[in-house]
């Protein structure tokens, strides 16, 4: 989970330690449609997972995203 959070912080241009597993996605100012597209690329390139975009819409917190790539 720690490595996933580090990747997500980099993707979202956040400082290390800003995100926690329980951080609501709605609390992340840089979490938008472009960030979601970036997450899809991250999932594919880093974790070898093809995540359906509809699954992202179901996510509420950072750990939900981690679960989509098998990092929960």
PDB file of N, CA and C in Angstrom:
ATOM      1  N   UNK A   1       0.820  -1.192   0.000  1.00  0.00           N
ATOM      2  CA  UNK A   1       0.000   0.000   0.000  1.00  0.00           C
ATOM      3  C   UNK A   1       0.869   1.262   0.000  1.00  0.00           C
ATOM      4  N   UNK A   2       1.966   1.226   0.765  1.00  0.00           N
ATOM      5  CA  UNK A   2       2.825   2.409   0.863  1.00  0.00           C
ATOM      6  C   UNK A   2       3.366   2.805  -0.517  1.00  0.00           C
ATOM      7  N   UNK A   3       3.822   1.813  -1.284  1.00  0.00           N
ATOM      8  CA  UNK A   3       4.361   2.091  -2.617  1.00  0.00           C
ATOM      9  C   UNK A   3       3.270   2.661  -3.528  1.00  0.00           C
ATOM     10  N   UNK A   4       2.068   2.101  -3.443  1.00  0.00           N
ATOM     11  CA  UNK A   4       0.963   2.597  -4.259  1.00  0.00           C
ATOM     12  C   UNK A   4       0.676   4.057  -3.925  1.00  0.00           C
ATOM     13  N   UNK A   5       0.629   4.380  -2.648  1.00  0.00           N
ATOM     14  CA  UNK A   5       0.356   5.759  -2.231  1.00  0.00           C
ATOM     15  C   UNK A   5       1.450   6.696  -2.744  1.00  0.00           C
ATOM     16  N   UNK A   6       2.692   6.254  -2.717  1.00  0.00           N
ATOM     17  CA  UNK A   6       3.781   7.078  -3.237  1.00  0.00           C
ATOM     18  C   UNK A   6       3.591   7.344  -4.730  1.00  0.00           C
ATOM     19  N   UNK A   7       3.187   6.324  -5.476  1.00  0.00           N
ATOM     20  CA  UNK A   7       2.941   6.504  -6.908  1.00  0.00           C
ATOM     21  C   UNK A   7       1.782   7.468  -7.145  1.00  0.00           C
ATOM     22  N   UNK A   8       0.732   7.330  -6.346  1.00  0.00           N
ATOM     23  CA  UNK A   8      -0.434   8.193  -6.499  1.00  0.00           C
ATOM     24  C   UNK A   8      -0.097   9.638  -6.138  1.00  0.00           C
ATOM     25  N   UNK A   9       0.687   9.831  -5.090  1.00  0.00           N
ATOM     26  CA  UNK A   9       1.108  11.189  -4.723  1.00  0.00           C
ATOM     27  C   UNK A   9       1.904  11.831  -5.855  1.00  0.00           C
ATOM     28  N   UNK A  10       2.776  11.056  -6.476  1.00  0.00           N
ATOM     29  CA  UNK A  10       3.563  11.587  -7.594  1.00  0.00           C
ATOM     30  C   UNK A  10       2.646  11.939  -8.759  1.00  0.00           C
ATOM     31  N   UNK A  11       1.716  11.050  -9.077  1.00  0.00           N
ATOM     32  CA  UNK A  11       0.769  11.285 -10.161  1.00  0.00           C
ATOM     33  C   UNK A  11      -0.030  12.570  -9.929  1.00  0.00           C
ATOM     34  N   UNK A  12      -0.457  12.779  -8.697  1.00  0.00           N
ATOM     35  CA  UNK A  12      -1.301  13.917  -8.354  1.00  0.00           C
ATOM     36  C   UNK A  12      -0.493  15.160  -7.964  1.00  0.00           C
ATOM     37  N   UNK A  13       0.833  15.050  -8.067  1.00  0.00           N
ATOM     38  CA  UNK A  13       1.737  16.153  -7.733  1.00  0.00           C
ATOM     39  C   UNK A  13       1.533  16.646  -6.295  1.00  0.00           C
ATOM     40  N   UNK A  14       1.477  15.680  -5.383  1.00  0.00           N
ATOM     41  CA  UNK A  14       1.330  15.976  -3.960  1.00  0.00           C
ATOM     42  C   UNK A  14       2.652  15.732  -3.251  1.00  0.00           C
ATOM     43  N   UNK A  15       2.797  16.321  -2.090  1.00  0.00           N
ATOM     44  CA  UNK A  15       3.986  16.113  -1.271  1.00  0.00           C
ATOM     45  C   UNK A  15       3.931  14.719  -0.645  1.00  0.00           C
ATOM     46  N   UNK A  16       5.088  14.083  -0.470  1.00  0.00           N
ATOM     47  CA  UNK A  16       5.102  12.782   0.205  1.00  0.00           C
ATOM     48  C   UNK A  16       4.439  12.873   1.580  1.00  0.00           C
ATOM     49  N   UNK A  17       3.606  11.908   1.872  1.00  0.00           N
ATOM     50  CA  UNK A  17       2.924  11.863   3.159  1.00  0.00           C
ATOM     51  C   UNK A  17       1.575  12.558   3.186  1.00  0.00           C
ATOM     52  N   UNK A  18       1.183  13.199   2.083  1.00  0.00           N
ATOM     53  CA  UNK A  18      -0.111  13.894   2.062  1.00  0.00           C
ATOM     54  C   UNK A  18      -1.294  12.934   2.029  1.00  0.00           C
ATOM     55  N   UNK A  19      -1.101  11.773   1.421  1.00  0.00           N
ATOM     56  CA  UNK A  19      -2.211  10.820   1.302  1.00  0.00           C
ATOM     57  C   UNK A  19      -2.079   9.688   2.306  1.00  0.00           C
ATOM     58  N   UNK A  20      -3.225   9.218   2.735  1.00  0.00           N
ATOM     59  CA  UNK A  20      -3.329   8.031   3.588  1.00  0.00           C
ATOM     60  C   UNK A  20      -4.321   7.092   2.923  1.00  0.00           C
ATOM     61  N   UNK A  21      -4.345   5.857   3.338  1.00  0.00           N
ATOM     62  CA  UNK A  21      -5.259   4.880   2.752  1.00  0.00           C
ATOM     63  C   UNK A  21      -6.710   5.333   2.858  1.00  0.00           C
ATOM     64  N   UNK A  22      -7.045   6.010   3.934  1.00  0.00           N
ATOM     65  CA  UNK A  22      -8.421   6.428   4.165  1.00  0.00           C
ATOM     66  C   UNK A  22      -8.774   7.810   3.649  1.00  0.00           C
ATOM     67  N   UNK A  23      -7.864   8.460   2.937  1.00  0.00           N
ATOM     68  CA  UNK A  23      -8.142   9.797   2.423  1.00  0.00           C
ATOM     69  C   UNK A  23      -9.263   9.747   1.397  1.00  0.00           C
ATOM     70  N   UNK A  24     -10.349  10.513   1.618  1.00  0.00           N
ATOM     71  CA  UNK A  24     -11.428  10.560   0.624  1.00  0.00           C
ATOM     72  C   UNK A  24     -10.941  11.213  -0.662  1.00  0.00           C
ATOM     73  N   UNK A  25     -11.303  10.631  -1.780  1.00  0.00           N
ATOM     74  CA  UNK A  25     -10.895  11.198  -3.065  1.00  0.00           C
ATOM     75  C   UNK A  25     -11.460  12.598  -3.249  1.00  0.00           C
ATOM     76  N   UNK A  26     -12.624  12.864  -2.669  1.00  0.00           N
ATOM     77  CA  UNK A  26     -13.234  14.187  -2.782  1.00  0.00           C
ATOM     78  C   UNK A  26     -12.435  15.256  -2.031  1.00  0.00           C
ATOM     79  N   UNK A  27     -11.544  14.844  -1.137  1.00  0.00           N
ATOM     80  CA  UNK A  27     -10.712  15.786  -0.386  1.00  0.00           C
ATOM     81  C   UNK A  27      -9.414  16.129  -1.125  1.00  0.00           C
ATOM     82  N   UNK A  28      -9.163  15.484  -2.259  1.00  0.00           N
ATOM     83  CA  UNK A  28      -7.929  15.698  -3.014  1.00  0.00           C
ATOM     84  C   UNK A  28      -8.242  16.668  -4.153  1.00  0.00           C
ATOM     85  N   UNK A  29      -7.734  17.887  -4.043  1.00  0.00           N
ATOM     86  CA  UNK A  29      -8.046  18.936  -5.022  1.00  0.00           C
ATOM     87  C   UNK A  29      -7.633  18.540  -6.437  1.00  0.00           C
ATOM     88  N   UNK A  30      -6.551  17.816  -6.567  1.00  0.00           N
ATOM     89  CA  UNK A  30      -6.063  17.458  -7.904  1.00  0.00           C
ATOM     90  C   UNK A  30      -6.700  16.183  -8.468  1.00  0.00           C
ATOM     91  N   UNK A  31      -7.621  15.563  -7.728  1.00  0.00           N
ATOM     92  CA  UNK A  31      -8.308  14.373  -8.230  1.00  0.00           C
ATOM     93  C   UNK A  31      -9.452  14.836  -9.135  1.00  0.00           C
ATOM     94  N   UNK A  32      -9.251  14.687 -10.438  1.00  0.00           N
ATOM     95  CA  UNK A  32     -10.254  15.083 -11.417  1.00  0.00           C
ATOM     96  C   UNK A  32     -10.243  14.072 -12.558  1.00  0.00           C
ATOM     97  N   UNK A  33     -10.919  14.383 -13.648  1.00  0.00           N
ATOM     98  CA  UNK A  33     -10.999  13.425 -14.753  1.00  0.00           C
ATOM     99  C   UNK A  33      -9.627  13.148 -15.368  1.00  0.00           C
ATOM    100  N   UNK A  34      -8.776  14.149 -15.425  1.00  0.00           N
ATOM    101  CA  UNK A  34      -7.427  13.923 -15.968  1.00  0.00           C
ATOM    102  C   UNK A  34      -6.601  13.040 -15.029  1.00  0.00           C
ATOM    103  N   UNK A  35      -6.783  13.211 -13.733  1.00  0.00           N
ATOM    104  CA  UNK A  35      -6.095  12.361 -12.770  1.00  0.00           C
ATOM    105  C   UNK A  35      -6.586  10.922 -12.893  1.00  0.00           C
ATOM    106  N   UNK A  36      -7.869  10.746 -13.152  1.00  0.00           N
ATOM    107  CA  UNK A  36      -8.416   9.401 -13.329  1.00  0.00           C
ATOM    108  C   UNK A  36      -7.789   8.728 -14.550  1.00  0.00           C
ATOM    109  N   UNK A  37      -7.610   9.476 -15.631  1.00  0.00           N
ATOM    110  CA  UNK A  37      -6.948   8.939 -16.822  1.00  0.00           C
ATOM    111  C   UNK A  37      -5.501   8.569 -16.489  1.00  0.00           C
ATOM    112  N   UNK A  38      -4.848   9.421 -15.731  1.00  0.00           N
ATOM    113  CA  UNK A  38      -3.488   9.128 -15.282  1.00  0.00           C
ATOM    114  C   UNK A  38      -3.439   7.874 -14.427  1.00  0.00           C
ATOM    115  N   UNK A  39      -4.459   7.696 -13.593  1.00  0.00           N
ATOM    116  CA  UNK A  39      -4.528   6.487 -12.763  1.00  0.00           C
ATOM    117  C   UNK A  39      -4.650   5.249 -13.641  1.00  0.00           C
ATOM    118  N   UNK A  40      -5.451   5.327 -14.699  1.00  0.00           N
ATOM    119  CA  UNK A  40      -5.590   4.192 -15.621  1.00  0.00           C
ATOM    120  C   UNK A  40      -4.234   3.817 -16.219  1.00  0.00           C
ATOM    121  N   UNK A  41      -3.461   4.827 -16.600  1.00  0.00           N
ATOM    122  CA  UNK A  41      -2.124   4.578 -17.148  1.00  0.00           C
ATOM    123  C   UNK A  41      -1.205   3.987 -16.088  1.00  0.00           C
ATOM    124  N   UNK A  42      -1.265   4.523 -14.876  1.00  0.00           N
ATOM    125  CA  UNK A  42      -0.461   4.011 -13.770  1.00  0.00           C
ATOM    126  C   UNK A  42      -0.789   2.542 -13.515  1.00  0.00           C
ATOM    127  N   UNK A  43      -2.074   2.226 -13.482  1.00  0.00           N
ATOM    128  CA  UNK A  43      -2.508   0.850 -13.234  1.00  0.00           C
ATOM    129  C   UNK A  43      -1.948  -0.091 -14.290  1.00  0.00           C
ATOM    130  N   UNK A  44      -1.994   0.338 -15.539  1.00  0.00           N
ATOM    131  CA  UNK A  44      -1.525  -0.498 -16.645  1.00  0.00           C
ATOM    132  C   UNK A  44      -0.006  -0.616 -16.655  1.00  0.00           C
ATOM    133  N   UNK A  45       0.682   0.510 -16.599  1.00  0.00           N
ATOM    134  CA  UNK A  45       2.134   0.516 -16.752  1.00  0.00           C
ATOM    135  C   UNK A  45       2.877  -0.020 -15.529  1.00  0.00           C
ATOM    136  N   UNK A  46       2.390   0.286 -14.350  1.00  0.00           N
ATOM    137  CA  UNK A  46       3.109  -0.093 -13.131  1.00  0.00           C
ATOM    138  C   UNK A  46       2.656  -1.430 -12.569  1.00  0.00           C
ATOM    139  N   UNK A  47       1.344  -1.691 -12.656  1.00  0.00           N
ATOM    140  CA  UNK A  47       0.795  -2.893 -12.023  1.00  0.00           C
ATOM    141  C   UNK A  47       0.259  -3.917 -13.019  1.00  0.00           C
ATOM    142  N   UNK A  48       0.302  -3.594 -14.308  1.00  0.00           N
ATOM    143  CA  UNK A  48      -0.167  -4.530 -15.321  1.00  0.00           C
ATOM    144  C   UNK A  48      -1.645  -4.824 -15.244  1.00  0.00           C
ATOM    145  N   UNK A  49      -2.421  -3.861 -14.754  1.00  0.00           N
ATOM    146  CA  UNK A  49      -3.872  -4.042 -14.594  1.00  0.00           C
ATOM    147  C   UNK A  49      -4.620  -3.132 -15.551  1.00  0.00           C
ATOM    148  N   UNK A  50      -5.576  -3.701 -16.251  1.00  0.00           N
ATOM    149  CA  UNK A  50      -6.471  -2.914 -17.108  1.00  0.00           C
ATOM    150  C   UNK A  50      -7.732  -2.647 -16.294  1.00  0.00           C
ATOM    151  N   UNK A  51      -7.841  -1.453 -15.761  1.00  0.00           N
ATOM    152  CA  UNK A  51      -8.956  -1.090 -14.891  1.00  0.00           C
ATOM    153  C   UNK A  51     -10.074  -0.457 -15.729  1.00  0.00           C
ATOM    154  N   UNK A  52     -11.272  -1.009 -15.663  1.00  0.00           N
ATOM    155  CA  UNK A  52     -12.392  -0.373 -16.369  1.00  0.00           C
ATOM    156  C   UNK A  52     -12.694   0.997 -15.744  1.00  0.00           C
ATOM    157  N   UNK A  53     -12.854   2.036 -16.561  1.00  0.00           N
ATOM    158  CA  UNK A  53     -13.133   3.369 -16.013  1.00  0.00           C
ATOM    159  C   UNK A  53     -14.333   3.401 -15.065  1.00  0.00           C
ATOM    160  N   UNK A  54     -15.328   2.581 -15.320  1.00  0.00           N
ATOM    161  CA  UNK A  54     -16.507   2.565 -14.443  1.00  0.00           C
ATOM    162  C   UNK A  54     -16.141   2.168 -13.016  1.00  0.00           C
ATOM    163  N   UNK A  55     -15.104   1.351 -12.856  1.00  0.00           N
ATOM    164  CA  UNK A  55     -14.685   0.934 -11.514  1.00  0.00           C
ATOM    165  C   UNK A  55     -14.118   2.107 -10.722  1.00  0.00           C
ATOM    166  N   UNK A  56     -13.489   3.053 -11.399  1.00  0.00           N
ATOM    167  CA  UNK A  56     -12.934   4.217 -10.701  1.00  0.00           C
ATOM    168  C   UNK A  56     -14.057   5.047 -10.090  1.00  0.00           C
ATOM    169  N   UNK A  57     -15.157   5.172 -10.797  1.00  0.00           N
ATOM    170  CA  UNK A  57     -16.278   5.979 -10.291  1.00  0.00           C
ATOM    171  C   UNK A  57     -16.848   5.424  -8.988  1.00  0.00           C
ATOM    172  N   UNK A  58     -16.644   4.146  -8.735  1.00  0.00           N
ATOM    173  CA  UNK A  58     -17.148   3.519  -7.504  1.00  0.00           C
ATOM    174  C   UNK A  58     -16.235   3.778  -6.308  1.00  0.00           C
ATOM    175  N   UNK A  59     -15.020   4.223  -6.566  1.00  0.00           N
ATOM    176  CA  UNK A  59     -14.040   4.429  -5.502  1.00  0.00           C
ATOM    177  C   UNK A  59     -14.338   5.694  -4.704  1.00  0.00           C
ATOM    178  N   UNK A  60     -14.213   5.562  -3.391  1.00  0.00           N
ATOM    179  CA  UNK A  60     -14.472   6.689  -2.490  1.00  0.00           C
ATOM    180  C   UNK A  60     -13.210   7.172  -1.781  1.00  0.00           C
ATOM    181  N   UNK A  61     -12.302   6.233  -1.477  1.00  0.00           N
ATOM    182  CA  UNK A  61     -11.079   6.576  -0.743  1.00  0.00           C
ATOM    183  C   UNK A  61      -9.867   5.992  -1.463  1.00  0.00           C
ATOM    184  N   UNK A  62      -8.685   6.430  -1.072  1.00  0.00           N
ATOM    185  CA  UNK A  62      -7.440   6.005  -1.707  1.00  0.00           C
ATOM    186  C   UNK A  62      -7.303   4.481  -1.709  1.00  0.00           C
ATOM    187  N   UNK A  63      -7.657   3.823  -0.626  1.00  0.00           N
ATOM    188  CA  UNK A  63      -7.505   2.365  -0.584  1.00  0.00           C
ATOM    189  C   UNK A  63      -8.423   1.663  -1.580  1.00  0.00           C
ATOM    190  N   UNK A  64      -9.529   2.292  -1.963  1.00  0.00           N
ATOM    191  CA  UNK A  64     -10.384   1.711  -3.011  1.00  0.00           C
ATOM    192  C   UNK A  64      -9.621   1.657  -4.329  1.00  0.00           C
ATOM    193  N   UNK A  65      -8.887   2.718  -4.649  1.00  0.00           N
ATOM    194  CA  UNK A  65      -8.068   2.732  -5.863  1.00  0.00           C
ATOM    195  C   UNK A  65      -6.984   1.664  -5.777  1.00  0.00           C
ATOM    196  N   UNK A  66      -6.369   1.545  -4.618  1.00  0.00           N
ATOM    197  CA  UNK A  66      -5.322   0.536  -4.434  1.00  0.00           C
ATOM    198  C   UNK A  66      -5.858  -0.862  -4.671  1.00  0.00           C
ATOM    199  N   UNK A  67      -7.079  -1.095  -4.247  1.00  0.00           N
ATOM    200  CA  UNK A  67      -7.706  -2.399  -4.442  1.00  0.00           C
ATOM    201  C   UNK A  67      -7.892  -2.735  -5.912  1.00  0.00           C
ATOM    202  N   UNK A  68      -8.088  -1.726  -6.734  1.00  0.00           N
ATOM    203  CA  UNK A  68      -8.269  -1.963  -8.166  1.00  0.00           C
ATOM    204  C   UNK A  68      -7.013  -2.499  -8.837  1.00  0.00           C
ATOM    205  N   UNK A  69      -5.863  -2.219  -8.246  1.00  0.00           N
ATOM    206  CA  UNK A  69      -4.602  -2.702  -8.817  1.00  0.00           C
ATOM    207  C   UNK A  69      -3.970  -3.792  -7.949  1.00  0.00           C
ATOM    208  N   UNK A  70      -4.732  -4.312  -7.013  1.00  0.00           N
ATOM    209  CA  UNK A  70      -4.240  -5.403  -6.169  1.00  0.00           C
ATOM    210  C   UNK A  70      -3.256  -4.992  -5.110  1.00  0.00           C
ATOM    211  N   UNK A  71      -3.335  -3.752  -4.656  1.00  0.00           N
ATOM    212  CA  UNK A  71      -2.403  -3.246  -3.655  1.00  0.00           C
ATOM    213  C   UNK A  71      -3.071  -2.909  -2.325  1.00  0.00           C
ATOM    214  N   UNK A  72      -4.209  -3.510  -2.059  1.00  0.00           N
ATOM    215  CA  UNK A  72      -4.917  -3.191  -0.806  1.00  0.00           C
ATOM    216  C   UNK A  72      -4.371  -3.954   0.372  1.00  0.00           C
TER     217      UNK A  72
END
